[in-house]
């Protein structure tokens, strides 16, 4: 049996350099108990230069409202880790949490059309 060792030249063969538990300081759950996979988050206009690359990528993905589950899927991260990382970003003021429905919807014609379509079902 031969054993292959990684020589440092191929990043894809070695995976990530920083284990995920290091990025979340060993936390296993978000501090905000209301944060779940369906929670919608959006990036706030703040400087992200001090963040780790994994956190910057999450903030970049949150240019528009997006759920925590979608972030994990796009970035191929375990959902438990994604929840904790999103929680950290919310705590530090990089992300805002809520739902897009909390924003005021001005186009009442659109809402009437949706309602009429649902009533036809």
Protein backbone atom coordinates (compact mmCIF):
# COMPACT_ATOMS: atom_id res chain seq x y z
CA UNK A 1 0.00 0.00 0.00
CA UNK A 2 1.37 3.40 -0.92
CA UNK A 3 0.66 6.58 0.99
CA UNK A 4 0.46 9.85 -0.87
CA UNK A 5 1.49 13.02 0.87
CA UNK A 6 0.58 16.54 -0.03
CA UNK A 7 3.55 18.65 -1.12
CA UNK A 8 1.75 22.01 -1.00
CA UNK A 9 1.53 22.59 -4.75
CA UNK A 10 -2.08 21.63 -5.41
CA UNK A 11 -4.69 23.42 -3.29
CA UNK A 12 -7.55 21.33 -4.65
CA UNK A 13 -5.96 18.12 -3.44
CA UNK A 14 -5.42 19.42 0.05
CA UNK A 15 -8.77 21.13 0.58
CA UNK A 16 -8.99 24.22 2.71
CA UNK A 17 -6.08 25.42 4.80
CA UNK A 18 -8.14 26.59 7.77
CA UNK A 19 -10.49 24.05 9.36
CA UNK A 20 -14.05 25.34 9.57
CA UNK A 21 -14.19 25.08 13.36
CA UNK A 22 -11.36 27.62 13.55
CA UNK A 23 -13.41 30.13 11.54
CA UNK A 24 -16.23 29.93 14.09
CA UNK A 25 -13.98 29.72 17.17
CA UNK A 26 -15.29 26.25 17.96
CA UNK A 27 -18.91 27.40 18.24
CA UNK A 28 -21.46 24.77 17.35
CA UNK A 29 -24.62 26.87 17.33
CA UNK A 30 -25.54 30.49 16.66
CA UNK A 31 -26.01 32.72 19.70
CA UNK A 32 -29.22 34.08 18.17
CA UNK A 33 -31.74 31.30 18.78
CA UNK A 34 -34.16 32.78 16.21
CA UNK A 35 -31.66 32.32 13.37
CA UNK A 36 -32.66 29.36 11.23
CA UNK A 37 -32.04 28.11 7.71
CA UNK A 38 -34.95 30.12 6.30
CA UNK A 39 -33.78 33.41 7.83
CA UNK A 40 -33.16 35.99 5.13
CA UNK A 41 -30.02 38.13 5.35
CA UNK A 42 -28.62 41.02 3.35
CA UNK A 43 -25.21 42.69 3.30
CA UNK A 44 -24.87 46.06 4.97
CA UNK A 45 -22.66 48.78 3.47
CA UNK A 46 -19.55 48.25 5.61
CA UNK A 47 -15.85 47.65 4.96
CA UNK A 48 -15.02 43.93 4.84
CA UNK A 49 -11.24 44.20 4.53
CA UNK A 50 -10.65 42.80 8.04
CA UNK A 51 -12.62 39.61 7.43
CA UNK A 52 -11.39 36.14 6.57
CA UNK A 53 -11.95 35.22 2.88
CA UNK A 54 -14.75 32.79 3.76
CA UNK A 55 -16.66 35.55 5.56
CA UNK A 56 -16.05 38.00 2.70
CA UNK A 57 -17.55 35.47 0.29
CA UNK A 58 -20.67 35.20 2.45
CA UNK A 59 -21.07 38.99 2.54
CA UNK A 60 -20.56 39.14 -1.23
CA UNK A 61 -23.30 36.54 -1.76
CA UNK A 62 -25.66 38.64 0.36
CA UNK A 63 -25.81 41.62 -2.01
CA UNK A 64 -29.54 40.82 -2.28
CA UNK A 65 -31.78 39.10 0.28
CA UNK A 66 -30.80 35.43 0.55
CA UNK A 67 -31.57 32.64 3.01
CA UNK A 68 -28.98 31.03 5.24
CA UNK A 69 -29.65 27.69 3.50
CA UNK A 70 -28.95 29.22 0.08
CA UNK A 71 -25.65 30.64 1.32
CA UNK A 72 -24.56 27.20 2.49
CA UNK A 73 -25.59 25.64 -0.81
CA UNK A 74 -23.80 28.23 -2.95
CA UNK A 75 -20.60 28.05 -0.93
CA UNK A 76 -20.69 24.26 -0.35
CA UNK A 77 -20.48 24.70 3.43
CA UNK A 78 -22.17 22.54 6.07
CA UNK A 79 -25.41 24.20 7.15
CA UNK A 80 -24.50 24.20 10.85
CA UNK A 81 -21.26 26.06 10.10
CA UNK A 82 -23.07 28.43 7.72
CA UNK A 83 -25.57 29.36 10.45
CA UNK A 84 -22.78 30.14 12.92
CA UNK A 85 -20.81 32.15 10.35
CA UNK A 86 -23.90 34.16 9.39
CA UNK A 87 -24.61 34.72 13.10
CA UNK A 88 -21.08 36.08 13.56
CA UNK A 89 -21.53 38.44 10.61
CA UNK A 90 -24.86 39.68 11.99
CA UNK A 91 -23.31 40.24 15.45
CA UNK A 92 -20.45 42.22 13.92
CA UNK A 93 -22.76 44.37 11.78
CA UNK A 94 -21.85 43.03 8.34
CA UNK A 95 -25.28 41.50 7.66
CA UNK A 96 -28.82 42.50 8.44
CA UNK A 97 -31.37 39.79 9.20
CA UNK A 98 -35.06 39.68 8.50
CA UNK A 99 -37.19 38.87 5.51
CA UNK A 100 -37.70 40.74 2.27
CA UNK A 101 -41.41 40.83 3.13
CA UNK A 102 -40.59 43.19 5.99
CA UNK A 103 -39.78 45.86 3.44
CA UNK A 104 -42.65 48.07 2.29
CA UNK A 105 -44.11 46.92 -1.01
CA UNK A 106 -45.28 49.90 -2.99
CA UNK A 107 -46.72 48.15 -6.06
CA UNK A 108 -50.26 47.28 -4.95
CA UNK A 109 -51.18 46.30 -8.52
CA UNK A 110 -48.64 43.49 -8.35
CA UNK A 111 -50.10 42.29 -5.05
CA UNK A 112 -53.62 42.38 -6.51
CA UNK A 113 -52.45 40.34 -9.51
CA UNK A 114 -50.83 37.73 -7.25
CA UNK A 115 -53.97 37.52 -5.13
CA UNK A 116 -56.18 37.11 -8.20
CA UNK A 117 -53.90 34.34 -9.49
CA UNK A 118 -54.04 32.52 -6.16
CA UNK A 119 -57.82 32.78 -6.07
CA UNK A 120 -58.02 31.15 -9.51
CA UNK A 121 -56.15 28.08 -8.25
